[in-house]
Amino acid sequence: MATANALAYDEPQVNLGFTSFLDAAPPAGPGLYFEQYFSYYNSDHLNDNNGGKLPLPNQKVDVAVSLSQLLYMSPKKFLGGNIGFTVLLPAILGHSIDDGLNNTVLKGENGVGDVIFGPFLQFGPFVGPNGPTFSHRFELDVSAPTGAYNHSNAVNPGNNFWWVEPYWAGTYWFTPKLTASVRMHYLWNSRNNDPNVSFGPGVTSTQAGQALHANLAIEYQVTPHLRLGVNGYWFQQITDTKANGSDVPGRRERVWAIGPGMMYSFSPEDHLFFNAYFEEGARNRSQGNRFVARYVHHF
């Protein structure tokens, strides 16, 4: 849920690669889940609208992030799907920034981020003669501006605005051992009335543009406990950022990433994920490497 936002970079911190294998298939059915994520992101490319580096002597950003999630899926159903609700709390545990100018341009701080919450409907898994065949989920997530924020910072735990993000996730079993998953998001952002100083004097409000993004993964069950595969993500801003209510062209963000991943199941109730992502094609945002560890426990 964390991306290093720097200078003119407008979009909030969202789920890029934090979820991957068997994304739409709760491993142990209804009940209470706790999920803990740790992510390390490093970048030495802060890109402009053409994909070139910003004019800074150094462009090194390293961020360590924690994300804690509680999720409850009820055995009760609505419209054929299990009703559920989730709450997430991100935090920046540590960061290191070097702009080559004694951090006069790029600054940051650690702290607790914006709380995220939302209801969902879980459908499936649907079972065929050889086992599960398909599972999917609809969810509506909302982020409230509760986290630490400073308009002078390039890296902030909080965003200082609300965002709303519906998504659909699906998992398909090609065979009992081979699966593919996708999670597709639409992102809408509200107004920030204390905008980043990079917008310059006279700007009293900004609104990040709408965006689409997706996580994708394909994996194979090597042993009863171990799954190996490939995972990736994609992000594309689809409307212009606004400043003082007017569109600002040339700031739309995009990036994509791919890398290897694994999932180890200790039991039906406990699962460990490791995923690596190597970004390419970044525009108006950082381009780097992301490493995610995730532990899932079903009570």
C-alpha atoms as a PDB file:
ATOM      1  CA  MET A   1       0.000   0.000   0.000  1.00  0.00           C
ATOM      2  CA  ALA A   2       2.957   2.402  -0.180  1.00  0.00           C
ATOM      3  CA  THR A   3       4.626   4.149  -3.067  1.00  0.00           C
ATOM      4  CA  ALA A   4       7.303   6.792  -2.690  1.00  0.00           C
ATOM      5  CA  ASN A   5       5.577  10.020  -3.743  1.00  0.00           C
ATOM      6  CA  ALA A   6       8.096  12.705  -4.705  1.00  0.00           C
ATOM      7  CA  LEU A   7       7.942  16.266  -6.027  1.00  0.00           C
ATOM      8  CA  ALA A   8       5.119  16.503  -8.584  1.00  0.00           C
ATOM      9  CA  TYR A   9       3.902  12.998  -7.936  1.00  0.00           C
ATOM     10  CA  ASP A  10       0.228  13.190  -7.106  1.00  0.00           C
ATOM     11  CA  GLU A  11      -1.360   9.766  -6.716  1.00  0.00           C
ATOM     12  CA  PRO A  12      -1.919   8.171  -3.285  1.00  0.00           C
ATOM     13  CA  GLN A  13      -0.384   5.035  -1.865  1.00  0.00           C
ATOM     14  CA  VAL A  14      -2.336   2.043  -3.218  1.00  0.00           C
ATOM     15  CA  ASN A  15      -2.082  -1.739  -3.554  1.00  0.00           C
ATOM     16  CA  LEU A  16       0.639  -2.316  -6.130  1.00  0.00           C
ATOM     17  CA  GLY A  17       1.717  -5.935  -5.798  1.00  0.00           C
ATOM     18  CA  PHE A  18       0.761  -6.495  -2.179  1.00  0.00           C
ATOM     19  CA  THR A  19      -1.686  -9.241  -3.214  1.00  0.00           C
ATOM     20  CA  SER A  20      -0.845 -11.982  -5.695  1.00  0.00           C
ATOM     21  CA  PHE A  21      -1.413 -15.769  -5.709  1.00  0.00           C
ATOM     22  CA  LEU A  22      -4.912 -17.167  -5.108  1.00  0.00           C
ATOM     23  CA  ASP A  23      -6.051 -13.573  -4.569  1.00  0.00           C
ATOM     24  CA  ALA A  24      -9.794 -14.260  -4.849  1.00  0.00           C
ATOM     25  CA  ALA A  25      -9.785 -17.560  -2.939  1.00  0.00           C
ATOM     26  CA  PRO A  26      -9.820 -17.240   0.881  1.00  0.00           C
ATOM     27  CA  PRO A  27      -7.699 -20.221   1.931  1.00  0.00           C
ATOM     28  CA  ALA A  28      -9.827 -21.356   4.870  1.00  0.00           C
ATOM     29  CA  GLY A  29     -13.368 -20.151   4.133  1.00  0.00           C
ATOM     30  CA  PRO A  30     -15.475 -17.919   6.395  1.00  0.00           C
ATOM     31  CA  GLY A  31     -14.073 -16.527   9.618  1.00  0.00           C
ATOM     32  CA  LEU A  32     -11.609 -13.976  10.941  1.00  0.00           C
ATOM     33  CA  TYR A  33      -8.268 -13.417   9.194  1.00  0.00           C
ATOM     34  CA  PHE A  34      -5.217 -11.429  10.233  1.00  0.00           C
ATOM     35  CA  GLU A  35      -2.714 -10.452   7.556  1.00  0.00           C
ATOM     36  CA  GLN A  36       0.623  -8.754   8.112  1.00  0.00           C
ATOM     37  CA  TYR A  37       2.598  -7.234   5.233  1.00  0.00           C
ATOM     38  CA  PHE A  38       6.134  -5.879   5.117  1.00  0.00           C
ATOM     39  CA  SER A  39       7.456  -4.107   2.042  1.00  0.00           C
ATOM     40  CA  TYR A  40      10.778  -2.587   1.038  1.00  0.00           C
ATOM     41  CA  TYR A  41      10.888  -0.213  -1.926  1.00  0.00           C
ATOM     42  CA  ASN A  42      14.020   1.351  -3.403  1.00  0.00           C
ATOM     43  CA  SER A  43      14.435   3.686  -6.347  1.00  0.00           C
ATOM     44  CA  ASP A  44      17.156   5.782  -7.957  1.00  0.00           C
ATOM     45  CA  HIS A  45      14.968   6.932 -10.850  1.00  0.00           C
ATOM     46  CA  LEU A  46      12.484   9.749 -10.203  1.00  0.00           C
ATOM     47  CA  ASN A  47      11.010  10.137 -13.667  1.00  0.00           C
ATOM     48  CA  ASP A  48       9.397  13.040 -15.514  1.00  0.00           C
ATOM     49  CA  ASN A  49       6.539  13.008 -18.027  1.00  0.00           C
ATOM     50  CA  ASN A  50       8.819  11.610 -20.751  1.00  0.00           C
ATOM     51  CA  GLY A  51      10.317   8.865 -18.600  1.00  0.00           C
ATOM     52  CA  GLY A  52      13.615  10.722 -18.096  1.00  0.00           C
ATOM     53  CA  LYS A  53      15.144  11.512 -14.728  1.00  0.00           C
ATOM     54  CA  LEU A  54      14.213  14.661 -12.832  1.00  0.00           C
ATOM     55  CA  PRO A  55      17.019  17.281 -12.666  1.00  0.00           C
ATOM     56  CA  LEU A  56      18.417  16.370  -9.253  1.00  0.00           C
ATOM     57  CA  PRO A  57      22.043  15.429  -8.422  1.00  0.00           C
ATOM     58  CA  ASN A  58      20.868  12.272  -6.625  1.00  0.00           C
ATOM     59  CA  GLN A  59      17.537  10.468  -6.738  1.00  0.00           C
ATOM     60  CA  LYS A  60      17.754   7.756  -4.110  1.00  0.00           C
ATOM     61  CA  VAL A  61      14.624   6.839  -2.158  1.00  0.00           C
ATOM     62  CA  ASP A  62      14.308   3.820   0.158  1.00  0.00           C
ATOM     63  CA  VAL A  63      11.107   3.124   2.112  1.00  0.00           C
ATOM     64  CA  ALA A  64      10.227   0.300   4.528  1.00  0.00           C
ATOM     65  CA  VAL A  65       6.494  -0.177   5.047  1.00  0.00           C
ATOM     66  CA  SER A  66       4.233  -2.207   7.332  1.00  0.00           C
ATOM     67  CA  LEU A  67       0.572  -2.981   6.644  1.00  0.00           C
ATOM     68  CA  SER A  68      -1.711  -4.727   9.147  1.00  0.00           C
ATOM     69  CA  GLN A  69      -5.109  -6.070   8.072  1.00  0.00           C
ATOM     70  CA  LEU A  70      -8.113  -7.578   9.842  1.00  0.00           C
ATOM     71  CA  LEU A  71     -10.695  -9.270   7.619  1.00  0.00           C
ATOM     72  CA  TYR A  72     -13.932 -11.001   8.548  1.00  0.00           C
ATOM     73  CA  MET A  73     -15.935 -13.122   6.125  1.00  0.00           C
ATOM     74  CA  SER A  74     -19.378 -14.145   7.367  1.00  0.00           C
ATOM     75  CA  PRO A  75     -21.043 -17.460   6.537  1.00  0.00           C
ATOM     76  CA  LYS A  76     -24.141 -15.381   5.760  1.00  0.00           C
ATOM     77  CA  LYS A  77     -24.732 -14.604   2.102  1.00  0.00           C
ATOM     78  CA  PHE A  78     -26.166 -11.738   0.060  1.00  0.00           C
ATOM     79  CA  LEU A  79     -26.865 -12.071  -3.666  1.00  0.00           C
ATOM     80  CA  GLY A  80     -25.094 -15.426  -3.523  1.00  0.00           C
ATOM     81  CA  GLY A  81     -21.848 -14.127  -2.009  1.00  0.00           C
ATOM     82  CA  ASN A  82     -20.440 -14.246   1.511  1.00  0.00           C
ATOM     83  CA  ILE A  83     -20.608 -10.857   3.248  1.00  0.00           C
ATOM     84  CA  GLY A  84     -17.352  -9.493   4.620  1.00  0.00           C
ATOM     85  CA  PHE A  85     -15.559  -6.429   5.944  1.00  0.00           C
ATOM     86  CA  THR A  86     -11.895  -5.442   6.161  1.00  0.00           C
ATOM     87  CA  VAL A  87      -9.796  -2.802   7.939  1.00  0.00           C
ATOM     88  CA  LEU A  88      -6.175  -1.987   7.091  1.00  0.00           C
ATOM     89  CA  LEU A  89      -3.594   0.261   8.751  1.00  0.00           C
ATOM     90  CA  PRO A  90      -0.350   1.107   6.893  1.00  0.00           C
ATOM     91  CA  ALA A  91       2.760   2.689   8.393  1.00  0.00           C
ATOM     92  CA  ILE A  92       6.149   3.864   7.172  1.00  0.00           C
ATOM     93  CA  LEU A  93       8.690   2.152   9.430  1.00  0.00           C
ATOM     94  CA  GLY A  94      11.756   3.828   7.989  1.00  0.00           C
ATOM     95  CA  HIS A  95      13.014   5.759   4.998  1.00  0.00           C
ATOM     96  CA  SER A  96      16.202   7.116   3.474  1.00  0.00           C
ATOM     97  CA  ILE A  97      16.267   9.926   0.917  1.00  0.00           C
ATOM     98  CA  ASP A  98      19.232  11.488  -0.876  1.00  0.00           C
ATOM     99  CA  ASP A  99      18.606  14.278  -3.392  1.00  0.00           C
ATOM    100  CA  GLY A 100      22.245  15.377  -3.512  1.00  0.00           C
ATOM    101  CA  LEU A 101      21.203  18.756  -2.114  1.00  0.00           C
ATOM    102  CA  ASN A 102      21.282  17.947   1.607  1.00  0.00           C
ATOM    103  CA  ASN A 103      17.586  17.047   1.343  1.00  0.00           C
ATOM    104  CA  THR A 104      16.491  20.584   0.599  1.00  0.00           C
ATOM    105  CA  VAL A 105      14.152  19.230  -2.129  1.00  0.00           C
ATOM    106  CA  LEU A 106      13.257  15.708  -1.017  1.00  0.00           C
ATOM    107  CA  LYS A 107      12.177  15.169   2.579  1.00  0.00           C
ATOM    108  CA  GLY A 108      10.148  12.518   4.376  1.00  0.00           C
ATOM    109  CA  GLU A 109       8.906  11.224   7.695  1.00  0.00           C
ATOM    110  CA  ASN A 110       7.908   7.957   9.328  1.00  0.00           C
ATOM    111  CA  GLY A 111       4.600   7.247  11.026  1.00  0.00           C
ATOM    112  CA  VAL A 112       1.149   5.715  10.816  1.00  0.00           C
ATOM    113  CA  GLY A 113      -0.721   6.130   7.544  1.00  0.00           C
ATOM    114  CA  ASP A 114      -4.363   6.481   6.548  1.00  0.00           C
ATOM    115  CA  VAL A 115      -6.842   3.874   7.754  1.00  0.00           C
ATOM    116  CA  ILE A 116      -8.515   1.888   4.941  1.00  0.00           C
ATOM    117  CA  PHE A 117     -11.810   0.038   5.322  1.00  0.00           C
ATOM    118  CA  GLY A 118     -14.517  -1.513   3.204  1.00  0.00           C
ATOM    119  CA  PRO A 119     -17.195  -4.186   2.684  1.00  0.00           C
ATOM    120  CA  PHE A 120     -16.951  -7.042   0.206  1.00  0.00           C
ATOM    121  CA  LEU A 121     -18.865  -9.953  -1.321  1.00  0.00           C
ATOM    122  CA  GLN A 122     -16.949 -13.214  -1.819  1.00  0.00           C
ATOM    123  CA  PHE A 123     -18.217 -15.730  -4.394  1.00  0.00           C
ATOM    124  CA  GLY A 124     -16.945 -19.304  -4.541  1.00  0.00           C
ATOM    125  CA  PRO A 125     -14.743 -21.184  -4.868  1.00  0.00           C
ATOM    126  CA  PHE A 126     -16.930 -23.011  -7.367  1.00  0.00           C
ATOM    127  CA  VAL A 127     -16.009 -26.677  -7.563  1.00  0.00           C
ATOM    128  CA  GLY A 128     -15.892 -28.992 -10.587  1.00  0.00           C
ATOM    129  CA  PRO A 129     -15.177 -32.727 -10.865  1.00  0.00           C
ATOM    130  CA  ASN A 130     -11.433 -32.155 -10.323  1.00  0.00           C
ATOM    131  CA  GLY A 131     -11.639 -29.534  -7.607  1.00  0.00           C
ATOM    132  CA  PRO A 132     -11.990 -25.718  -7.528  1.00  0.00           C
ATOM    133  CA  THR A 133     -12.498 -23.973 -10.872  1.00  0.00           C
ATOM    134  CA  PHE A 134     -13.206 -20.283 -10.188  1.00  0.00           C
ATOM    135  CA  SER A 135     -13.574 -17.803  -7.333  1.00  0.00           C
ATOM    136  CA  HIS A 136     -14.141 -14.048  -7.320  1.00  0.00           C
ATOM    137  CA  ARG A 137     -14.797 -11.057  -5.085  1.00  0.00           C
ATOM    138  CA  PHE A 138     -16.186  -7.501  -5.249  1.00  0.00           C
ATOM    139  CA  GLU A 139     -14.948  -4.970  -2.698  1.00  0.00           C
ATOM    140  CA  LEU A 140     -15.329  -1.232  -2.059  1.00  0.00           C
ATOM    141  CA  ASP A 141     -12.400   0.286  -0.158  1.00  0.00           C
ATOM    142  CA  VAL A 142     -12.294   3.769   1.355  1.00  0.00           C
ATOM    143  CA  SER A 143      -9.208   5.532   2.715  1.00  0.00           C
ATOM    144  CA  ALA A 144      -9.707   8.224   5.371  1.00  0.00           C
ATOM    145  CA  PRO A 145      -7.063  10.969   5.879  1.00  0.00           C
ATOM    146  CA  THR A 146      -6.038   9.929   9.396  1.00  0.00           C
ATOM    147  CA  GLY A 147      -2.276   9.535   8.865  1.00  0.00           C
ATOM    148  CA  ALA A 148       0.662  11.852   9.378  1.00  0.00           C
ATOM    149  CA  TYR A 149       1.111  14.418   6.597  1.00  0.00           C
ATOM    150  CA  ASN A 150       3.349  17.419   5.907  1.00  0.00           C
ATOM    151  CA  HIS A 151       3.003  19.382   2.673  1.00  0.00           C
ATOM    152  CA  SER A 152       6.784  19.872   2.549  1.00  0.00           C
ATOM    153  CA  ASN A 153       7.508  16.129   2.406  1.00  0.00           C
ATOM    154  CA  ALA A 154       8.109  13.968  -0.638  1.00  0.00           C
ATOM    155  CA  VAL A 155       7.403  10.808   1.423  1.00  0.00           C
ATOM    156  CA  ASN A 156       4.382  10.956   3.746  1.00  0.00           C
ATOM    157  CA  PRO A 157       2.606   8.201   5.706  1.00  0.00           C
ATOM    158  CA  GLY A 158      -0.753   9.874   4.959  1.00  0.00           C
ATOM    159  CA  ASN A 159      -2.282  11.454   1.847  1.00  0.00           C
ATOM    160  CA  ASN A 160      -4.372  14.278   3.407  1.00  0.00           C
ATOM    161  CA  PHE A 161      -7.372  13.396   1.252  1.00  0.00           C
ATOM    162  CA  TRP A 162     -10.016  10.696   0.937  1.00  0.00           C
ATOM    163  CA  TRP A 163      -9.893   8.105  -1.813  1.00  0.00           C
ATOM    164  CA  VAL A 164     -12.480   5.544  -2.909  1.00  0.00           C
ATOM    165  CA  GLU A 165     -11.496   2.379  -4.744  1.00  0.00           C
ATOM    166  CA  PRO A 166     -13.850  -0.395  -5.893  1.00  0.00           C
ATOM    167  CA  TYR A 167     -12.167  -3.521  -7.205  1.00  0.00           C
ATOM    168  CA  TRP A 168     -12.884  -6.964  -8.625  1.00  0.00           C
ATOM    169  CA  ALA A 169     -10.600  -9.944  -8.033  1.00  0.00           C
ATOM    170  CA  GLY A 170     -10.782 -13.341  -9.706  1.00  0.00           C
ATOM    171  CA  THR A 171      -8.867 -16.624  -9.461  1.00  0.00           C
ATOM    172  CA  TYR A 172      -9.125 -19.338 -12.130  1.00  0.00           C
ATOM    173  CA  TRP A 173      -7.851 -22.910 -11.854  1.00  0.00           C
ATOM    174  CA  PHE A 174      -6.529 -24.154 -15.216  1.00  0.00           C
ATOM    175  CA  THR A 175      -5.705 -27.437 -13.467  1.00  0.00           C
ATOM    176  CA  PRO A 176      -5.777 -28.417  -9.765  1.00  0.00           C
ATOM    177  CA  LYS A 177      -2.164 -27.168  -9.536  1.00  0.00           C
ATOM    178  CA  LEU A 178      -2.046 -24.240 -12.000  1.00  0.00           C
ATOM    179  CA  THR A 179      -3.934 -21.012 -11.224  1.00  0.00           C
ATOM    180  CA  ALA A 180      -4.047 -17.394 -12.377  1.00  0.00           C
ATOM    181  CA  SER A 181      -5.333 -14.391 -10.433  1.00  0.00           C
ATOM    182  CA  VAL A 182      -6.149 -10.788 -11.259  1.00  0.00           C
ATOM    183  CA  ARG A 183      -7.288  -7.819  -9.169  1.00  0.00           C
ATOM    184  CA  MET A 184      -8.578  -4.766 -11.095  1.00  0.00           C
ATOM    185  CA  HIS A 185      -9.039  -1.399  -9.347  1.00  0.00           C
ATOM    186  CA  TYR A 186     -10.623   1.934 -10.160  1.00  0.00           C
ATOM    187  CA  LEU A 187      -9.309   4.851  -8.070  1.00  0.00           C
ATOM    188  CA  TRP A 188     -11.055   8.164  -7.331  1.00  0.00           C
ATOM    189  CA  ASN A 189      -9.395  10.839  -5.184  1.00  0.00           C
ATOM    190  CA  SER A 190     -10.917  13.768  -3.298  1.00  0.00           C
ATOM    191  CA  ARG A 191      -9.445  17.258  -2.939  1.00  0.00           C
ATOM    192  CA  ASN A 192      -6.324  18.027  -0.914  1.00  0.00           C
ATOM    193  CA  ASN A 193      -6.688  21.451   0.712  1.00  0.00           C
ATOM    194  CA  ASP A 194      -3.078  21.520   1.917  1.00  0.00           C
ATOM    195  CA  PRO A 195      -1.242  20.599  -1.298  1.00  0.00           C
ATOM    196  CA  ASN A 196       2.410  19.704  -1.650  1.00  0.00           C
ATOM    197  CA  VAL A 197       4.707  22.712  -1.977  1.00  0.00           C
ATOM    198  CA  SER A 198       5.945  21.352  -5.340  1.00  0.00           C
ATOM    199  CA  PHE A 199       2.827  22.859  -6.945  1.00  0.00           C
ATOM    200  CA  GLY A 200       4.225  26.319  -6.222  1.00  0.00           C
ATOM    201  CA  PRO A 201       2.789  29.485  -4.675  1.00  0.00           C
ATOM    202  CA  GLY A 202      -0.849  30.362  -5.153  1.00  0.00           C
ATOM    203  CA  VAL A 203      -2.075  26.755  -5.307  1.00  0.00           C
ATOM    204  CA  THR A 204      -4.532  26.243  -2.441  1.00  0.00           C
ATOM    205  CA  SER A 205      -6.052  22.906  -3.480  1.00  0.00           C
ATOM    206  CA  THR A 206      -5.189  19.937  -5.659  1.00  0.00           C
ATOM    207  CA  GLN A 207      -6.988  16.764  -6.708  1.00  0.00           C
ATOM    208  CA  ALA A 208      -5.100  13.760  -8.035  1.00  0.00           C
ATOM    209  CA  GLY A 209      -6.549  12.308 -11.223  1.00  0.00           C
ATOM    210  CA  GLN A 210      -8.567   9.131 -11.476  1.00  0.00           C
ATOM    211  CA  ALA A 211      -6.613   5.953 -12.206  1.00  0.00           C
ATOM    212  CA  LEU A 212      -6.835   2.280 -13.103  1.00  0.00           C
ATOM    213  CA  HIS A 213      -4.454  -0.332 -11.733  1.00  0.00           C
ATOM    214  CA  ALA A 214      -4.218  -4.110 -11.532  1.00  0.00           C
ATOM    215  CA  ASN A 215      -2.288  -6.931  -9.868  1.00  0.00           C
ATOM    216  CA  LEU A 216      -1.714 -10.136 -11.840  1.00  0.00           C
ATOM    217  CA  ALA A 217      -0.186 -13.488 -10.892  1.00  0.00           C
ATOM    218  CA  ILE A 218       0.157 -17.026 -12.185  1.00  0.00           C
ATOM    219  CA  GLU A 219       1.487 -19.835 -10.017  1.00  0.00           C
ATOM    220  CA  TYR A 220       2.071 -23.589  -9.949  1.00  0.00           C
ATOM    221  CA  GLN A 221       1.833 -25.928  -6.959  1.00  0.00           C
ATOM    222  CA  VAL A 222       5.247 -27.595  -6.814  1.00  0.00           C
ATOM    223  CA  THR A 223       4.596 -29.524  -3.590  1.00  0.00           C
ATOM    224  CA  PRO A 224       1.542 -29.754  -1.307  1.00  0.00           C
ATOM    225  CA  HIS A 225       2.977 -26.766   0.622  1.00  0.00           C
ATOM    226  CA  LEU A 226       4.935 -24.725  -1.945  1.00  0.00           C
ATOM    227  CA  ARG A 227       3.709 -22.665  -4.909  1.00  0.00           C
ATOM    228  CA  LEU A 228       6.015 -20.782  -7.293  1.00  0.00           C
ATOM    229  CA  GLY A 229       5.086 -18.292  -9.962  1.00  0.00           C
ATOM    230  CA  VAL A 230       5.280 -14.912 -11.649  1.00  0.00           C
ATOM    231  CA  ASN A 231       3.545 -11.749 -10.432  1.00  0.00           C
ATOM    232  CA  GLY A 232       3.160  -8.213 -11.721  1.00  0.00           C
ATOM    233  CA  TYR A 233       1.261  -4.948 -11.495  1.00  0.00           C
ATOM    234  CA  TRP A 234       0.231  -2.044 -13.715  1.00  0.00           C
ATOM    235  CA  PHE A 235      -0.856   1.531 -12.918  1.00  0.00           C
ATOM    236  CA  GLN A 236      -2.264   4.191 -15.270  1.00  0.00           C
ATOM    237  CA  GLN A 237      -3.685   7.602 -14.378  1.00  0.00           C
ATOM    238  CA  ILE A 238      -6.611   8.291 -16.738  1.00  0.00           C
ATOM    239  CA  THR A 239      -7.624  11.901 -15.945  1.00  0.00           C
ATOM    240  CA  ASP A 240      -5.546  15.006 -15.294  1.00  0.00           C
ATOM    241  CA  THR A 241      -4.613  16.196 -11.839  1.00  0.00           C
ATOM    242  CA  LYS A 242      -6.374  19.434 -10.879  1.00  0.00           C
ATOM    243  CA  ALA A 243      -4.881  22.509  -9.196  1.00  0.00           C
ATOM    244  CA  ASN A 244      -7.307  25.141  -7.882  1.00  0.00           C
ATOM    245  CA  GLY A 245     -10.029  23.235  -9.782  1.00  0.00           C
ATOM    246  CA  SER A 246      -8.322  23.396 -13.204  1.00  0.00           C
ATOM    247  CA  ASP A 247      -6.700  20.534 -15.122  1.00  0.00           C
ATOM    248  CA  VAL A 248      -2.898  20.428 -15.112  1.00  0.00           C
ATOM    249  CA  PRO A 249      -1.630  18.569 -18.198  1.00  0.00           C
ATOM    250  CA  GLY A 250       1.561  16.544 -18.326  1.00  0.00           C
ATOM    251  CA  ARG A 251       1.309  14.990 -14.850  1.00  0.00           C
ATOM    252  CA  ARG A 252      -0.418  11.664 -15.536  1.00  0.00           C
ATOM    253  CA  GLU A 253       1.353   8.770 -13.817  1.00  0.00           C
ATOM    254  CA  ARG A 254       2.001   5.267 -15.081  1.00  0.00           C
ATOM    255  CA  VAL A 255       4.236   2.293 -14.303  1.00  0.00           C
ATOM    256  CA  TRP A 256       4.319  -1.480 -14.658  1.00  0.00           C
ATOM    257  CA  ALA A 257       6.317  -4.215 -12.934  1.00  0.00           C
ATOM    258  CA  ILE A 258       7.006  -7.950 -13.085  1.00  0.00           C
ATOM    259  CA  GLY A 259       8.928 -10.428 -10.947  1.00  0.00           C
ATOM    260  CA  PRO A 260       8.998 -13.851  -9.242  1.00  0.00           C
ATOM    261  CA  GLY A 261       6.980 -14.974  -6.255  1.00  0.00           C
ATOM    262  CA  MET A 262       6.326 -17.862  -3.899  1.00  0.00           C
ATOM    263  CA  MET A 263       3.695 -19.006  -1.419  1.00  0.00           C
ATOM    264  CA  TYR A 264       4.303 -21.507   1.377  1.00  0.00           C
ATOM    265  CA  SER A 265       1.340 -23.031   3.239  1.00  0.00           C
ATOM    266  CA  PHE A 266       2.164 -24.303   6.709  1.00  0.00           C
ATOM    267  CA  SER A 267      -1.465 -25.398   7.155  1.00  0.00           C
ATOM    268  CA  PRO A 268      -4.902 -24.406   5.811  1.00  0.00           C
ATOM    269  CA  GLU A 269      -4.816 -21.574   8.393  1.00  0.00           C
ATOM    270  CA  ASP A 270      -1.282 -20.202   7.901  1.00  0.00           C
ATOM    271  CA  HIS A 271       0.357 -18.997   4.674  1.00  0.00           C
ATOM    272  CA  LEU A 272       3.519 -17.058   3.838  1.00  0.00           C
ATOM    273  CA  PHE A 273       4.074 -15.076   0.602  1.00  0.00           C
ATOM    274  CA  PHE A 274       7.210 -13.523  -0.893  1.00  0.00           C
ATOM    275  CA  ASN A 275       6.924 -11.370  -4.033  1.00  0.00           C
ATOM    276  CA  ALA A 276       9.478  -9.279  -5.915  1.00  0.00           C
ATOM    277  CA  TYR A 277       8.697  -6.615  -8.521  1.00  0.00           C
ATOM    278  CA  PHE A 278      11.010  -4.749 -10.883  1.00  0.00           C
ATOM    279  CA  GLU A 279       9.410  -1.608 -12.302  1.00  0.00           C
ATOM    280  CA  GLU A 280       9.615  -0.304 -15.865  1.00  0.00           C
ATOM    281  CA  GLY A 281       8.019   2.438 -17.959  1.00  0.00           C
ATOM    282  CA  ALA A 282       7.474   4.921 -15.129  1.00  0.00           C
ATOM    283  CA  ARG A 283       6.135   8.366 -16.005  1.00  0.00           C
ATOM    284  CA  ASN A 284       5.747  11.156 -13.410  1.00  0.00           C
ATOM    285  CA  ARG A 285       6.662   8.799 -10.577  1.00  0.00           C
ATOM    286  CA  SER A 286       9.528   6.816  -9.127  1.00  0.00           C
ATOM    287  CA  GLN A 287      10.815   3.677 -10.874  1.00  0.00           C
ATOM    288  CA  GLY A 288      12.453   1.036  -8.705  1.00  0.00           C
ATOM    289  CA  ASN A 289      12.181  -2.369  -7.063  1.00  0.00           C
ATOM    290  CA  ARG A 290       9.584  -3.598  -4.583  1.00  0.00           C
ATOM    291  CA  PHE A 291       9.840  -6.610  -2.278  1.00  0.00           C
ATOM    292  CA  VAL A 292       6.804  -7.811  -0.310  1.00  0.00           C
ATOM    293  CA  ALA A 293       6.477 -10.367   2.505  1.00  0.00           C
ATOM    294  CA  ARG A 294       2.960 -11.279   3.642  1.00  0.00           C
ATOM    295  CA  TYR A 295       1.691 -13.615   6.379  1.00  0.00           C
ATOM    296  CA  VAL A 296      -1.940 -14.772   6.509  1.00  0.00           C
ATOM    297  CA  HIS A 297      -3.534 -16.420   9.554  1.00  0.00           C
ATOM    298  CA  HIS A 298      -7.114 -17.715   9.835  1.00  0.00           C
ATOM    299  CA  PHE A 299      -8.508 -17.959  13.360  1.00  0.00           C
END
